[in-house]
Amino acid sequence: MISEQDVKHIAKLARLGLTAKEIKKFQRELSLILDYFEKLKEVDVSKIEPTTHSILVKNIMRNDEPKSESIETRNKLIESAPDKKERFVKVKSILQ
């Protein structure tokens, strides 16, 4: 069982103020958690390949290909912009 001093030390590190009743409660609960980890150490995992994720994680990406819009569509976009310069939409600067 985890000691009362250990619980007080953990509480101090976590900046928690605990009552005597809470210290006893956490002493029991932390002991149960540590006991469970001891049980996990007994499990034979020698035939299991180490993983970083429990499921296969893979990014699905599309090819980066430029889309060609019609000149008419581009002109409509530029005409609808509140501020423009030649054939570009003008926006406020965000970097100094």
PDB file of N, CA and C in Angstrom:
ATOM      1  N   MET A   1       0.845  -1.181   0.000  1.00  0.00           N
ATOM      2  CA  MET A   1       0.000   0.000   0.000  1.00  0.00           C
ATOM      3  C   MET A   1       0.893   1.247   0.000  1.00  0.00           C
ATOM      4  N   ILE A   2       0.485   2.231  -0.764  1.00  0.00           N
ATOM      5  CA  ILE A   2       1.235   3.475  -0.853  1.00  0.00           C
ATOM      6  C   ILE A   2       1.166   4.201   0.499  1.00  0.00           C
ATOM      7  N   SER A   3       2.249   4.823   0.873  1.00  0.00           N
ATOM      8  CA  SER A   3       2.295   5.455   2.200  1.00  0.00           C
ATOM      9  C   SER A   3       1.579   6.806   2.208  1.00  0.00           C
ATOM     10  N   GLU A   4       1.226   7.223   3.395  1.00  0.00           N
ATOM     11  CA  GLU A   4       0.582   8.522   3.578  1.00  0.00           C
ATOM     12  C   GLU A   4       1.531   9.644   3.139  1.00  0.00           C
ATOM     13  N   GLN A   5       2.815   9.449   3.414  1.00  0.00           N
ATOM     14  CA  GLN A   5       3.819  10.438   3.015  1.00  0.00           C
ATOM     15  C   GLN A   5       3.895  10.561   1.496  1.00  0.00           C
ATOM     16  N   ASP A   6       3.775   9.426   0.787  1.00  0.00           N
ATOM     17  CA  ASP A   6       3.788   9.459  -0.680  1.00  0.00           C
ATOM     18  C   ASP A   6       2.595  10.249  -1.215  1.00  0.00           C
ATOM     19  N   VAL A   7       1.435  10.035  -0.614  1.00  0.00           N
ATOM     20  CA  VAL A   7       0.233  10.758  -1.042  1.00  0.00           C
ATOM     21  C   VAL A   7       0.414  12.253  -0.797  1.00  0.00           C
ATOM     22  N   LYS A   8       0.955  12.611   0.352  1.00  0.00           N
ATOM     23  CA  LYS A   8       1.189  14.027   0.657  1.00  0.00           C
ATOM     24  C   LYS A   8       2.180  14.640  -0.336  1.00  0.00           C
ATOM     25  N   HIS A   9       3.200  13.867  -0.679  1.00  0.00           N
ATOM     26  CA  HIS A   9       4.203  14.353  -1.637  1.00  0.00           C
ATOM     27  C   HIS A   9       3.573  14.567  -3.018  1.00  0.00           C
ATOM     28  N   ILE A  10       2.779  13.615  -3.462  1.00  0.00           N
ATOM     29  CA  ILE A  10       2.103  13.735  -4.762  1.00  0.00           C
ATOM     30  C   ILE A  10       1.154  14.928  -4.749  1.00  0.00           C
ATOM     31  N   ALA A  11       0.426  15.094  -3.647  1.00  0.00           N
ATOM     32  CA  ALA A  11      -0.499  16.226  -3.526  1.00  0.00           C
ATOM     33  C   ALA A  11       0.260  17.552  -3.572  1.00  0.00           C
ATOM     34  N   LYS A  12       1.417  17.593  -2.946  1.00  0.00           N
ATOM     35  CA  LYS A  12       2.221  18.818  -2.955  1.00  0.00           C
ATOM     36  C   LYS A  12       2.698  19.129  -4.372  1.00  0.00           C
ATOM     37  N   LEU A  13       3.151  18.097  -5.098  1.00  0.00           N
ATOM     38  CA  LEU A  13       3.593  18.296  -6.481  1.00  0.00           C
ATOM     39  C   LEU A  13       2.453  18.797  -7.367  1.00  0.00           C
ATOM     40  N   ALA A  14       1.244  18.300  -7.086  1.00  0.00           N
ATOM     41  CA  ALA A  14       0.071  18.703  -7.867  1.00  0.00           C
ATOM     42  C   ALA A  14      -0.568  19.974  -7.314  1.00  0.00           C
ATOM     43  N   ARG A  15       0.031  20.512  -6.260  1.00  0.00           N
ATOM     44  CA  ARG A  15      -0.470  21.718  -5.595  1.00  0.00           C
ATOM     45  C   ARG A  15      -1.911  21.542  -5.132  1.00  0.00           C
ATOM     46  N   LEU A  16      -2.162  20.399  -4.494  1.00  0.00           N
ATOM     47  CA  LEU A  16      -3.481  20.094  -3.953  1.00  0.00           C
ATOM     48  C   LEU A  16      -3.427  20.136  -2.438  1.00  0.00           C
ATOM     49  N   GLY A  17      -4.404  20.760  -1.852  1.00  0.00           N
ATOM     50  CA  GLY A  17      -4.536  20.720  -0.403  1.00  0.00           C
ATOM     51  C   GLY A  17      -5.526  19.623  -0.047  1.00  0.00           C
ATOM     52  N   LEU A  18      -5.072  18.595   0.645  1.00  0.00           N
ATOM     53  CA  LEU A  18      -5.939  17.462   0.969  1.00  0.00           C
ATOM     54  C   LEU A  18      -6.210  17.401   2.466  1.00  0.00           C
ATOM     55  N   THR A  19      -7.433  17.003   2.797  1.00  0.00           N
ATOM     56  CA  THR A  19      -7.774  16.758   4.195  1.00  0.00           C
ATOM     57  C   THR A  19      -7.254  15.375   4.569  1.00  0.00           C
ATOM     58  N   ALA A  20      -7.267  15.075   5.863  1.00  0.00           N
ATOM     59  CA  ALA A  20      -6.819  13.754   6.324  1.00  0.00           C
ATOM     60  C   ALA A  20      -7.679  12.652   5.713  1.00  0.00           C
ATOM     61  N   LYS A  21      -8.978  12.924   5.584  1.00  0.00           N
ATOM     62  CA  LYS A  21      -9.900  11.944   4.991  1.00  0.00           C
ATOM     63  C   LYS A  21      -9.554  11.707   3.515  1.00  0.00           C
ATOM     64  N   GLU A  22      -9.248  12.782   2.800  1.00  0.00           N
ATOM     65  CA  GLU A  22      -8.892  12.655   1.383  1.00  0.00           C
ATOM     66  C   GLU A  22      -7.562  11.927   1.211  1.00  0.00           C
ATOM     67  N   ILE A  23      -6.632  12.156   2.119  1.00  0.00           N
ATOM     68  CA  ILE A  23      -5.342  11.462   2.055  1.00  0.00           C
ATOM     69  C   ILE A  23      -5.556   9.962   2.174  1.00  0.00           C
ATOM     70  N   LYS A  24      -6.390   9.535   3.119  1.00  0.00           N
ATOM     71  CA  LYS A  24      -6.689   8.103   3.289  1.00  0.00           C
ATOM     72  C   LYS A  24      -7.365   7.547   2.035  1.00  0.00           C
ATOM     73  N   LYS A  25      -8.307   8.323   1.482  1.00  0.00           N
ATOM     74  CA  LYS A  25      -9.030   7.885   0.283  1.00  0.00           C
ATOM     75  C   LYS A  25      -8.057   7.686  -0.881  1.00  0.00           C
ATOM     76  N   PHE A  26      -7.185   8.679  -1.117  1.00  0.00           N
ATOM     77  CA  PHE A  26      -6.235   8.577  -2.220  1.00  0.00           C
ATOM     78  C   PHE A  26      -5.177   7.511  -1.959  1.00  0.00           C
ATOM     79  N   GLN A  27      -4.883   7.274  -0.711  1.00  0.00           N
ATOM     80  CA  GLN A  27      -3.931   6.216  -0.366  1.00  0.00           C
ATOM     81  C   GLN A  27      -4.476   4.869  -0.848  1.00  0.00           C
ATOM     82  N   ARG A  28      -5.760   4.622  -0.599  1.00  0.00           N
ATOM     83  CA  ARG A  28      -6.393   3.370  -1.058  1.00  0.00           C
ATOM     84  C   ARG A  28      -6.480   3.332  -2.587  1.00  0.00           C
ATOM     85  N   GLU A  29      -6.958   4.435  -3.184  1.00  0.00           N
ATOM     86  CA  GLU A  29      -7.176   4.454  -4.631  1.00  0.00           C
ATOM     87  C   GLU A  29      -5.870   4.334  -5.420  1.00  0.00           C
ATOM     88  N   LEU A  30      -4.844   5.048  -4.991  1.00  0.00           N
ATOM     89  CA  LEU A  30      -3.560   4.952  -5.685  1.00  0.00           C
ATOM     90  C   LEU A  30      -2.945   3.566  -5.523  1.00  0.00           C
ATOM     91  N   SER A  31      -3.159   2.949  -4.371  1.00  0.00           N
ATOM     92  CA  SER A  31      -2.662   1.585  -4.164  1.00  0.00           C
ATOM     93  C   SER A  31      -3.340   0.615  -5.119  1.00  0.00           C
ATOM     94  N   LEU A  32      -4.647   0.780  -5.324  1.00  0.00           N
ATOM     95  CA  LEU A  32      -5.370  -0.084  -6.268  1.00  0.00           C
ATOM     96  C   LEU A  32      -4.842   0.099  -7.692  1.00  0.00           C
ATOM     97  N   ILE A  33      -4.565   1.325  -8.061  1.00  0.00           N
ATOM     98  CA  ILE A  33      -4.033   1.596  -9.403  1.00  0.00           C
ATOM     99  C   ILE A  33      -2.666   0.944  -9.577  1.00  0.00           C
ATOM    100  N   LEU A  34      -1.802   1.095  -8.580  1.00  0.00           N
ATOM    101  CA  LEU A  34      -0.468   0.489  -8.665  1.00  0.00           C
ATOM    102  C   LEU A  34      -0.549  -1.032  -8.684  1.00  0.00           C
ATOM    103  N   ASP A  35      -1.488  -1.610  -7.923  1.00  0.00           N
ATOM    104  CA  ASP A  35      -1.691  -3.065  -7.954  1.00  0.00           C
ATOM    105  C   ASP A  35      -2.097  -3.525  -9.349  1.00  0.00           C
ATOM    106  N   TYR A  36      -2.942  -2.738 -10.006  1.00  0.00           N
ATOM    107  CA  TYR A  36      -3.372  -3.093 -11.354  1.00  0.00           C
ATOM    108  C   TYR A  36      -2.186  -3.075 -12.320  1.00  0.00           C
ATOM    109  N   PHE A  37      -1.294  -2.119 -12.179  1.00  0.00           N
ATOM    110  CA  PHE A  37      -0.100  -2.084 -13.029  1.00  0.00           C
ATOM    111  C   PHE A  37       0.780  -3.306 -12.785  1.00  0.00           C
ATOM    112  N   GLU A  38       0.839  -3.775 -11.566  1.00  0.00           N
ATOM    113  CA  GLU A  38       1.600  -4.993 -11.275  1.00  0.00           C
ATOM    114  C   GLU A  38       0.995  -6.182 -12.010  1.00  0.00           C
ATOM    115  N   LYS A  39      -0.340  -6.250 -12.074  1.00  0.00           N
ATOM    116  CA  LYS A  39      -1.002  -7.324 -12.827  1.00  0.00           C
ATOM    117  C   LYS A  39      -0.673  -7.214 -14.314  1.00  0.00           C
ATOM    118  N   LEU A  40      -0.639  -5.996 -14.828  1.00  0.00           N
ATOM    119  CA  LEU A  40      -0.323  -5.804 -16.245  1.00  0.00           C
ATOM    120  C   LEU A  40       1.090  -6.265 -16.576  1.00  0.00           C
ATOM    121  N   LYS A  41       2.004  -6.139 -15.634  1.00  0.00           N
ATOM    122  CA  LYS A  41       3.380  -6.579 -15.856  1.00  0.00           C
ATOM    123  C   LYS A  41       3.469  -8.087 -16.059  1.00  0.00           C
ATOM    124  N   GLU A  42       2.485  -8.833 -15.548  1.00  0.00           N
ATOM    125  CA  GLU A  42       2.490 -10.294 -15.648  1.00  0.00           C
ATOM    126  C   GLU A  42       2.017 -10.799 -17.009  1.00  0.00           C
ATOM    127  N   VAL A  43       1.391  -9.955 -17.795  1.00  0.00           N
ATOM    128  CA  VAL A  43       0.846 -10.364 -19.088  1.00  0.00           C
ATOM    129  C   VAL A  43       1.997 -10.640 -20.058  1.00  0.00           C
ATOM    130  N   ASP A  44       1.919 -11.797 -20.739  1.00  0.00           N
ATOM    131  CA  ASP A  44       2.947 -12.175 -21.707  1.00  0.00           C
ATOM    132  C   ASP A  44       2.677 -11.469 -23.033  1.00  0.00           C
ATOM    133  N   VAL A  45       3.530 -10.546 -23.377  1.00  0.00           N
ATOM    134  CA  VAL A  45       3.390  -9.812 -24.634  1.00  0.00           C
ATOM    135  C   VAL A  45       4.571 -10.073 -25.566  1.00  0.00           C
ATOM    136  N   SER A  46       5.298 -11.141 -25.303  1.00  0.00           N
ATOM    137  CA  SER A  46       6.508 -11.425 -26.079  1.00  0.00           C
ATOM    138  C   SER A  46       6.216 -11.707 -27.552  1.00  0.00           C
ATOM    139  N   LYS A  47       5.020 -12.192 -27.863  1.00  0.00           N
ATOM    140  CA  LYS A  47       4.687 -12.521 -29.251  1.00  0.00           C
ATOM    141  C   LYS A  47       3.891 -11.411 -29.935  1.00  0.00           C
ATOM    142  N   ILE A  48       3.771 -10.283 -29.276  1.00  0.00           N
ATOM    143  CA  ILE A  48       3.015  -9.166 -29.839  1.00  0.00           C
ATOM    144  C   ILE A  48       3.991  -8.101 -30.318  1.00  0.00           C
ATOM    145  N   GLU A  49       3.799  -7.694 -31.565  1.00  0.00           N
ATOM    146  CA  GLU A  49       4.681  -6.685 -32.148  1.00  0.00           C
ATOM    147  C   GLU A  49       4.385  -5.315 -31.528  1.00  0.00           C
ATOM    148  N   PRO A  50       5.429  -4.592 -31.144  1.00  0.00           N
ATOM    149  CA  PRO A  50       5.207  -3.260 -30.561  1.00  0.00           C
ATOM    150  C   PRO A  50       4.535  -2.318 -31.557  1.00  0.00           C
ATOM    151  N   THR A  51       3.654  -1.482 -31.057  1.00  0.00           N
ATOM    152  CA  THR A  51       2.958  -0.515 -31.900  1.00  0.00           C
ATOM    153  C   THR A  51       2.951   0.847 -31.226  1.00  0.00           C
ATOM    154  N   THR A  52       2.751   1.865 -32.041  1.00  0.00           N
ATOM    155  CA  THR A  52       2.587   3.204 -31.480  1.00  0.00           C
ATOM    156  C   THR A  52       1.120   3.593 -31.450  1.00  0.00           C
ATOM    157  N   HIS A  53       0.300   2.911 -32.246  1.00  0.00           N
ATOM    158  CA  HIS A  53      -1.142   3.155 -32.276  1.00  0.00           C
ATOM    159  C   HIS A  53      -1.853   1.807 -32.241  1.00  0.00           C
ATOM    160  N   SER A  54      -3.031   1.796 -31.652  1.00  0.00           N
ATOM    161  CA  SER A  54      -3.785   0.548 -31.609  1.00  0.00           C
ATOM    162  C   SER A  54      -4.431   0.230 -32.952  1.00  0.00           C
ATOM    163  N   ILE A  55      -4.603   1.237 -33.787  1.00  0.00           N
ATOM    164  CA  ILE A  55      -5.129   1.029 -35.137  1.00  0.00           C
ATOM    165  C   ILE A  55      -4.158   1.653 -36.131  1.00  0.00           C
ATOM    166  N   LEU A  56      -4.191   1.171 -37.347  1.00  0.00           N
ATOM    167  CA  LEU A  56      -3.316   1.711 -38.382  1.00  0.00           C
ATOM    168  C   LEU A  56      -3.761   3.126 -38.727  1.00  0.00           C
ATOM    169  N   VAL A  57      -2.864   4.060 -38.586  1.00  0.00           N
ATOM    170  CA  VAL A  57      -3.161   5.454 -38.887  1.00  0.00           C
ATOM    171  C   VAL A  57      -2.371   5.844 -40.128  1.00  0.00           C
ATOM    172  N   LYS A  58      -3.084   6.321 -41.125  1.00  0.00           N
ATOM    173  CA  LYS A  58      -2.425   6.705 -42.361  1.00  0.00           C
ATOM    174  C   LYS A  58      -3.118   7.939 -42.916  1.00  0.00           C
ATOM    175  N   ASN A  59      -2.330   8.925 -43.294  1.00  0.00           N
ATOM    176  CA  ASN A  59      -2.904  10.112 -43.918  1.00  0.00           C
ATOM    177  C   ASN A  59      -3.315   9.782 -45.342  1.00  0.00           C
ATOM    178  N   ILE A  60      -4.501  10.178 -45.686  1.00  0.00           N
ATOM    179  CA  ILE A  60      -4.979   9.994 -47.053  1.00  0.00           C
ATOM    180  C   ILE A  60      -4.922  11.363 -47.712  1.00  0.00           C
ATOM    181  N   MET A  61      -4.097  11.464 -48.720  1.00  0.00           N
ATOM    182  CA  MET A  61      -3.902  12.758 -49.357  1.00  0.00           C
ATOM    183  C   MET A  61      -4.158  12.638 -50.851  1.00  0.00           C
ATOM    184  N   ARG A  62      -4.662  13.699 -51.393  1.00  0.00           N
ATOM    185  CA  ARG A  62      -4.877  13.730 -52.842  1.00  0.00           C
ATOM    186  C   ARG A  62      -3.643  14.323 -53.508  1.00  0.00           C
ATOM    187  N   ASN A  63      -3.504  14.074 -54.777  1.00  0.00           N
ATOM    188  CA  ASN A  63      -2.411  14.680 -55.525  1.00  0.00           C
ATOM    189  C   ASN A  63      -2.609  16.186 -55.581  1.00  0.00           C
ATOM    190  N   ASP A  64      -1.537  16.909 -55.457  1.00  0.00           N
ATOM    191  CA  ASP A  64      -1.593  18.365 -55.489  1.00  0.00           C
ATOM    192  C   ASP A  64      -1.483  18.826 -56.933  1.00  0.00           C
ATOM    193  N   GLU A  65      -2.621  18.953 -57.558  1.00  0.00           N
ATOM    194  CA  GLU A  65      -2.655  19.352 -58.956  1.00  0.00           C
ATOM    195  C   GLU A  65      -3.436  20.655 -59.082  1.00  0.00           C
ATOM    196  N   PRO A  66      -2.919  21.584 -59.861  1.00  0.00           N
ATOM    197  CA  PRO A  66      -3.650  22.855 -60.014  1.00  0.00           C
ATOM    198  C   PRO A  66      -4.953  22.640 -60.773  1.00  0.00           C
ATOM    199  N   LYS A  67      -5.960  23.351 -60.329  1.00  0.00           N
ATOM    200  CA  LYS A  67      -7.244  23.284 -61.023  1.00  0.00           C
ATOM    201  C   LYS A  67      -7.300  24.446 -62.004  1.00  0.00           C
ATOM    202  N   SER A  68      -7.701  24.145 -63.195  1.00  0.00           N
ATOM    203  CA  SER A  68      -7.801  25.229 -64.177  1.00  0.00           C
ATOM    204  C   SER A  68      -9.258  25.685 -64.227  1.00  0.00           C
ATOM    205  N   GLU A  69      -9.464  26.929 -63.861  1.00  0.00           N
ATOM    206  CA  GLU A  69     -10.798  27.516 -63.920  1.00  0.00           C
ATOM    207  C   GLU A  69     -10.920  28.284 -65.231  1.00  0.00           C
ATOM    208  N   SER A  70     -12.115  28.428 -65.662  1.00  0.00           N
ATOM    209  CA  SER A  70     -12.309  29.182 -66.903  1.00  0.00           C
ATOM    210  C   SER A  70     -12.005  30.660 -66.652  1.00  0.00           C
ATOM    211  N   ILE A  71     -11.626  31.339 -67.676  1.00  0.00           N
ATOM    212  CA  ILE A  71     -11.327  32.774 -67.578  1.00  0.00           C
ATOM    213  C   ILE A  71     -12.570  33.526 -67.120  1.00  0.00           C
ATOM    214  N   GLU A  72     -13.714  33.063 -67.569  1.00  0.00           N
ATOM    215  CA  GLU A  72     -14.981  33.706 -67.190  1.00  0.00           C
ATOM    216  C   GLU A  72     -15.212  33.595 -65.677  1.00  0.00           C
ATOM    217  N   THR A  73     -14.968  32.418 -65.118  1.00  0.00           N
ATOM    218  CA  THR A  73     -15.135  32.218 -63.676  1.00  0.00           C
ATOM    219  C   THR A  73     -14.153  33.088 -62.903  1.00  0.00           C
ATOM    220  N   ARG A  74     -12.917  33.140 -63.343  1.00  0.00           N
ATOM    221  CA  ARG A  74     -11.901  33.956 -62.675  1.00  0.00           C
ATOM    222  C   ARG A  74     -12.280  35.434 -62.728  1.00  0.00           C
ATOM    223  N   ASN A  75     -12.741  35.890 -63.866  1.00  0.00           N
ATOM    224  CA  ASN A  75     -13.137  37.296 -64.005  1.00  0.00           C
ATOM    225  C   ASN A  75     -14.315  37.642 -63.100  1.00  0.00           C
ATOM    226  N   LYS A  76     -15.278  36.728 -62.972  1.00  0.00           N
ATOM    227  CA  LYS A  76     -16.423  36.962 -62.083  1.00  0.00           C
ATOM    228  C   LYS A  76     -15.952  37.102 -60.638  1.00  0.00           C
ATOM    229  N   LEU A  77     -15.016  36.251 -60.245  1.00  0.00           N
ATOM    230  CA  LEU A  77     -14.484  36.304 -58.885  1.00  0.00           C
ATOM    231  C   LEU A  77     -13.789  37.640 -58.636  1.00  0.00           C
ATOM    232  N   ILE A  78     -12.962  38.052 -59.542  1.00  0.00           N
ATOM    233  CA  ILE A  78     -12.216  39.303 -59.373  1.00  0.00           C
ATOM    234  C   ILE A  78     -13.168  40.498 -59.376  1.00  0.00           C
ATOM    235  N   GLU A  79     -14.161  40.464 -60.202  1.00  0.00           N
ATOM    236  CA  GLU A  79     -15.126  41.571 -60.262  1.00  0.00           C
ATOM    237  C   GLU A  79     -15.946  41.662 -58.975  1.00  0.00           C
ATOM    238  N   SER A  80     -16.196  40.543 -58.325  1.00  0.00           N
ATOM    239  CA  SER A  80     -17.012  40.563 -57.101  1.00  0.00           C
ATOM    240  C   SER A  80     -16.200  40.915 -55.856  1.00  0.00           C
ATOM    241  N   ALA A  81     -14.885  40.959 -55.968  1.00  0.00           N
ATOM    242  CA  ALA A  81     -14.031  41.292 -54.821  1.00  0.00           C
ATOM    243  C   ALA A  81     -14.152  42.778 -54.497  1.00  0.00           C
ATOM    244  N   PRO A  82     -14.161  43.133 -53.205  1.00  0.00           N
ATOM    245  CA  PRO A  82     -14.281  44.551 -52.833  1.00  0.00           C
ATOM    246  C   PRO A  82     -13.049  45.373 -53.210  1.00  0.00           C
ATOM    247  N   ASP A  83     -11.888  44.745 -53.259  1.00  0.00           N
ATOM    248  CA  ASP A  83     -10.664  45.466 -53.617  1.00  0.00           C
ATOM    249  C   ASP A  83      -9.824  44.565 -54.519  1.00  0.00           C
ATOM    250  N   LYS A  84      -9.325  45.114 -55.594  1.00  0.00           N
ATOM    251  CA  LYS A  84      -8.551  44.305 -56.538  1.00  0.00           C
ATOM    252  C   LYS A  84      -7.423  45.130 -57.128  1.00  0.00           C
ATOM    253  N   LYS A  85      -6.438  44.434 -57.627  1.00  0.00           N
ATOM    254  CA  LYS A  85      -5.320  45.083 -58.316  1.00  0.00           C
ATOM    255  C   LYS A  85      -4.999  44.224 -59.532  1.00  0.00           C
ATOM    256  N   GLU A  86      -5.218  44.793 -60.692  1.00  0.00           N
ATOM    257  CA  GLU A  86      -5.062  44.098 -61.962  1.00  0.00           C
ATOM    258  C   GLU A  86      -5.915  42.832 -61.953  1.00  0.00           C
ATOM    259  N   ARG A  87      -5.286  41.656 -62.050  1.00  0.00           N
ATOM    260  CA  ARG A  87      -6.089  40.422 -62.088  1.00  0.00           C
ATOM    261  C   ARG A  87      -6.023  39.649 -60.776  1.00  0.00           C
ATOM    262  N   PHE A  88      -5.746  40.351 -59.673  1.00  0.00           N
ATOM    263  CA  PHE A  88      -5.626  39.713 -58.357  1.00  0.00           C
ATOM    264  C   PHE A  88      -6.585  40.353 -57.356  1.00  0.00           C
ATOM    265  N   VAL A  89      -7.028  39.551 -56.391  1.00  0.00           N
ATOM    266  CA  VAL A  89      -7.835  40.067 -55.289  1.00  0.00           C
ATOM    267  C   VAL A  89      -6.872  40.658 -54.274  1.00  0.00           C
ATOM    268  N   LYS A  90      -7.139  41.883 -53.847  1.00  0.00           N
ATOM    269  CA  LYS A  90      -6.260  42.565 -52.902  1.00  0.00           C
ATOM    270  C   LYS A  90      -6.828  42.380 -51.491  1.00  0.00           C
ATOM    271  N   VAL A  91      -5.957  41.966 -50.565  1.00  0.00           N
ATOM    272  CA  VAL A  91      -6.373  41.754 -49.171  1.00  0.00           C
ATOM    273  C   VAL A  91      -5.463  42.554 -48.250  1.00  0.00           C
ATOM    274  N   LYS A  92      -5.937  42.764 -47.015  1.00  0.00           N
ATOM    275  CA  LYS A  92      -5.135  43.492 -46.040  1.00  0.00           C
ATOM    276  C   LYS A  92      -3.919  42.666 -45.646  1.00  0.00           C
ATOM    277  N   SER A  93      -2.836  43.358 -45.385  1.00  0.00           N
ATOM    278  CA  SER A  93      -1.607  42.694 -44.951  1.00  0.00           C
ATOM    279  C   SER A  93      -1.787  42.162 -43.531  1.00  0.00           C
ATOM    280  N   ILE A  94      -1.293  40.959 -43.275  1.00  0.00           N
ATOM    281  CA  ILE A  94      -1.369  40.403 -41.922  1.00  0.00           C
ATOM    282  C   ILE A  94       0.008  40.277 -41.287  1.00  0.00           C
ATOM    283  N   LEU A  95       1.058  40.461 -42.083  1.00  0.00           N
ATOM    284  CA  LEU A  95       2.427  40.378 -41.579  1.00  0.00           C
ATOM    285  C   LEU A  95       3.079  41.745 -41.679  1.00  0.00           C
ATOM    286  N   GLN A  96       3.954  42.021 -40.726  1.00  0.00           N
ATOM    287  CA  GLN A  96       4.641  43.317 -40.751  1.00  0.00           C
ATOM    288  C   GLN A  96       6.081  43.152 -41.140  1.00  0.00           C
TER     289      GLN A  96
END
